[in-house]
Amino acid sequence: MKKDIHPKNYRDVLFIDNSNSAEFIISSAVKTSETGKAKDGKEYPIFRVEISSASHPFYTGNEKTLDTAGRVERFKAKQAKAKAK
């Protein structure tokens, strides 16, 4: 195996789903800027995600619109503009 090809900052990271506050502790090398305590009481670097398997409609079976960046409104505006032509 090659030496020195793996990241040096590989550690446990607390991933928090912003839509439903689900927490996952996963080993990762992702860059983080904040730390916090998990439900197990230990402190971990935190990385926030918009959607995860705990909130994605494919995994949950619940269909809902999760639009934090205004994508739906932009799409509808494009559709209305295209129909007007």
Protein backbone atom coordinates (compact mmCIF):
# COMPACT_ATOMS: atom_id res chain seq x y z
CA MET A 1 0.00 0.00 0.00
CA LYS A 2 1.09 3.56 -0.63
CA LYS A 3 2.25 5.56 2.36
CA ASP A 4 1.01 9.01 3.33
CA ILE A 5 -1.99 9.10 0.97
CA HIS A 6 -4.70 9.18 3.62
CA PRO A 7 -5.91 12.45 5.18
CA LYS A 8 -4.40 13.41 8.53
CA ASN A 9 -7.64 14.84 9.96
CA TYR A 10 -9.74 11.66 9.69
CA ARG A 11 -11.88 11.60 12.86
CA ASP A 12 -15.43 11.12 14.15
CA VAL A 13 -17.72 13.99 13.09
CA LEU A 14 -21.24 14.80 14.25
CA PHE A 15 -23.48 15.34 11.20
CA ILE A 16 -26.69 17.23 12.01
CA ASP A 17 -29.66 17.31 9.61
CA ASN A 18 -30.99 20.90 9.57
CA SER A 19 -34.51 19.87 8.57
CA ASN A 20 -35.28 17.54 11.49
CA SER A 21 -32.26 17.77 13.85
CA ALA A 22 -31.28 14.11 13.37
CA GLU A 23 -27.71 13.38 14.48
CA PHE A 24 -25.22 10.93 12.97
CA ILE A 25 -21.67 10.26 14.15
CA ILE A 26 -19.58 9.21 11.16
CA SER A 27 -15.82 9.07 10.60
CA SER A 28 -14.89 11.75 8.10
CA ALA A 29 -12.21 14.18 6.96
CA VAL A 30 -14.69 16.99 6.21
CA LYS A 31 -13.56 20.48 7.27
CA THR A 32 -15.59 21.85 10.18
CA SER A 33 -15.63 25.13 12.07
CA GLU A 34 -17.83 24.37 15.07
CA THR A 35 -17.95 21.75 17.80
CA GLY A 36 -20.74 20.50 19.99
CA LYS A 37 -21.94 17.70 22.22
CA ALA A 38 -23.80 14.73 20.82
CA LYS A 39 -26.54 12.82 22.60
CA ASP A 40 -23.88 10.47 24.01
CA GLY A 41 -22.32 13.42 25.91
CA LYS A 42 -19.04 13.51 23.98
CA GLU A 43 -17.86 16.57 22.08
CA TYR A 44 -17.37 16.28 18.30
CA PRO A 45 -16.74 18.60 15.36
CA ILE A 46 -20.12 19.47 13.79
CA PHE A 47 -21.03 19.46 10.10
CA ARG A 48 -24.57 20.52 9.17
CA VAL A 49 -26.39 19.00 6.18
CA GLU A 50 -29.61 20.12 4.48
CA ILE A 51 -30.98 16.63 3.93
CA SER A 52 -30.07 13.12 5.07
CA SER A 53 -31.57 9.66 5.09
CA ALA A 54 -33.59 10.71 8.15
CA SER A 55 -35.43 13.42 6.19
CA HIS A 56 -35.21 12.39 2.52
CA PRO A 57 -38.63 11.38 1.10
CA PHE A 58 -37.19 8.27 -0.58
CA TYR A 59 -36.10 6.83 2.78
CA THR A 60 -38.93 8.14 4.96
CA GLY A 61 -41.82 7.46 2.58
CA ASN A 62 -43.22 10.93 3.29
CA GLU A 63 -43.42 13.38 0.42
CA LYS A 64 -42.79 16.97 1.38
CA THR A 65 -41.22 19.99 -0.24
CA LEU A 66 -37.96 21.06 1.35
CA ASP A 67 -36.95 24.32 -0.25
CA THR A 68 -34.38 26.37 1.59
CA ALA A 69 -32.93 28.19 -1.42
CA GLY A 70 -36.09 29.27 -3.32
CA ARG A 71 -35.61 26.68 -6.06
CA VAL A 72 -39.31 25.91 -6.40
CA GLU A 73 -40.23 29.57 -6.97
CA ARG A 74 -37.46 29.99 -9.57
CA PHE A 75 -38.61 26.84 -11.37
CA LYS A 76 -42.24 28.00 -11.44
CA ALA A 77 -41.17 31.42 -12.75
CA LYS A 78 -39.18 29.77 -15.56
CA GLN A 79 -42.16 27.57 -16.44
CA ALA A 80 -44.53 30.56 -16.55
CA LYS A 81 -42.09 32.49 -18.74
CA ALA A 82 -41.73 29.54 -21.12
CA LYS A 83 -45.53 29.11 -21.40
CA ALA A 84 -45.93 32.83 -22.16
CA LYS A 85 -43.73 32.51 -25.26
